[in-house]
Amino acid sequence: MFNLTQELVKILGIDPARLRLEWISSAEGTRFAEVATEFTEQIRSLGPSSLKQAA
């Protein structure tokens, strides 16, 4: 299903780097925080999305 979502993102003109899937257990709070921080930094480094906001 994730591969299908990746294809849809490409079709919509969204940079695939803005999509990420991680499997994290509810017992891995520290890991979740690390992934969230890392992904946030990655998105910020990409800059604003080229998509226009819907009205």
C-alpha atoms as a PDB file:
ATOM      1  CA  MET A   1       0.000   0.000   0.000  1.00  0.00           C
ATOM      2  CA  PHE A   2       2.886   2.360   0.745  1.00  0.00           C
ATOM      3  CA  ASN A   3       4.259   1.868  -2.778  1.00  0.00           C
ATOM      4  CA  LEU A   4       0.896   2.924  -4.184  1.00  0.00           C
ATOM      5  CA  THR A   5       0.926   6.009  -1.980  1.00  0.00           C
ATOM      6  CA  GLN A   6       4.433   6.855  -3.204  1.00  0.00           C
ATOM      7  CA  GLU A   7       3.233   6.651  -6.803  1.00  0.00           C
ATOM      8  CA  LEU A   8       0.253   8.877  -6.042  1.00  0.00           C
ATOM      9  CA  VAL A   9       2.518  11.442  -4.407  1.00  0.00           C
ATOM     10  CA  LYS A  10       4.683  11.521  -7.536  1.00  0.00           C
ATOM     11  CA  ILE A  11       1.627  11.904  -9.782  1.00  0.00           C
ATOM     12  CA  LEU A  12       0.426  14.817  -7.663  1.00  0.00           C
ATOM     13  CA  GLY A  13       3.783  16.526  -8.044  1.00  0.00           C
ATOM     14  CA  ILE A  14       4.815  16.186  -4.415  1.00  0.00           C
ATOM     15  CA  ASP A  15       8.469  15.484  -3.666  1.00  0.00           C
ATOM     16  CA  PRO A  16       8.621  11.837  -2.505  1.00  0.00           C
ATOM     17  CA  ALA A  17      11.108  12.914   0.181  1.00  0.00           C
ATOM     18  CA  ARG A  18       8.106  14.477   1.962  1.00  0.00           C
ATOM     19  CA  LEU A  19       6.642  11.039   2.598  1.00  0.00           C
ATOM     20  CA  ARG A  20       8.022   8.554   5.090  1.00  0.00           C
ATOM     21  CA  LEU A  21       6.830   5.366   6.751  1.00  0.00           C
ATOM     22  CA  GLU A  22       8.390   4.048   9.955  1.00  0.00           C
ATOM     23  CA  TRP A  23       7.263   1.106  12.046  1.00  0.00           C
ATOM     24  CA  ILE A  24       7.684   2.090  15.687  1.00  0.00           C
ATOM     25  CA  SER A  25       6.327   0.197  18.671  1.00  0.00           C
ATOM     26  CA  SER A  26       4.366   2.051  21.337  1.00  0.00           C
ATOM     27  CA  ALA A  27       7.178   1.037  23.707  1.00  0.00           C
ATOM     28  CA  GLU A  28       9.716   2.981  21.627  1.00  0.00           C
ATOM     29  CA  GLY A  29       9.008   6.528  22.753  1.00  0.00           C
ATOM     30  CA  THR A  30      12.614   7.607  22.385  1.00  0.00           C
ATOM     31  CA  ARG A  31      12.804   6.155  18.874  1.00  0.00           C
ATOM     32  CA  PHE A  32       9.572   7.964  17.937  1.00  0.00           C
ATOM     33  CA  ALA A  33      10.997  11.279  19.133  1.00  0.00           C
ATOM     34  CA  GLU A  34      14.203  10.697  17.150  1.00  0.00           C
ATOM     35  CA  VAL A  35      12.317   9.846  13.953  1.00  0.00           C
ATOM     36  CA  ALA A  36       9.945  12.796  14.354  1.00  0.00           C
ATOM     37  CA  THR A  37      12.834  15.214  14.906  1.00  0.00           C
ATOM     38  CA  GLU A  38      14.850  13.809  11.994  1.00  0.00           C
ATOM     39  CA  PHE A  39      11.883  13.930   9.603  1.00  0.00           C
ATOM     40  CA  THR A  40      10.987  17.461  10.680  1.00  0.00           C
ATOM     41  CA  GLU A  41      14.543  18.586   9.926  1.00  0.00           C
ATOM     42  CA  GLN A  42      14.410  16.818   6.552  1.00  0.00           C
ATOM     43  CA  ILE A  43      11.154  18.557   5.599  1.00  0.00           C
ATOM     44  CA  ARG A  44      12.463  21.943   6.720  1.00  0.00           C
ATOM     45  CA  SER A  45      15.583  21.459   4.607  1.00  0.00           C
ATOM     46  CA  LEU A  46      13.371  20.846   1.554  1.00  0.00           C
ATOM     47  CA  GLY A  47      11.738  24.236   2.046  1.00  0.00           C
ATOM     48  CA  PRO A  48       8.137  25.120   1.293  1.00  0.00           C
ATOM     49  CA  SER A  49       6.070  22.752  -0.778  1.00  0.00           C
ATOM     50  CA  SER A  50       5.502  23.695  -4.391  1.00  0.00           C
ATOM     51  CA  LEU A  51       1.809  22.901  -4.022  1.00  0.00           C
ATOM     52  CA  LYS A  52      -0.588  25.789  -3.687  1.00  0.00           C
ATOM     53  CA  GLN A  53      -2.920  25.752  -0.724  1.00  0.00           C
ATOM     54  CA  ALA A  54      -6.525  24.926  -1.614  1.00  0.00           C
ATOM     55  CA  ALA A  55      -9.060  27.651  -0.948  1.00  0.00           C
END
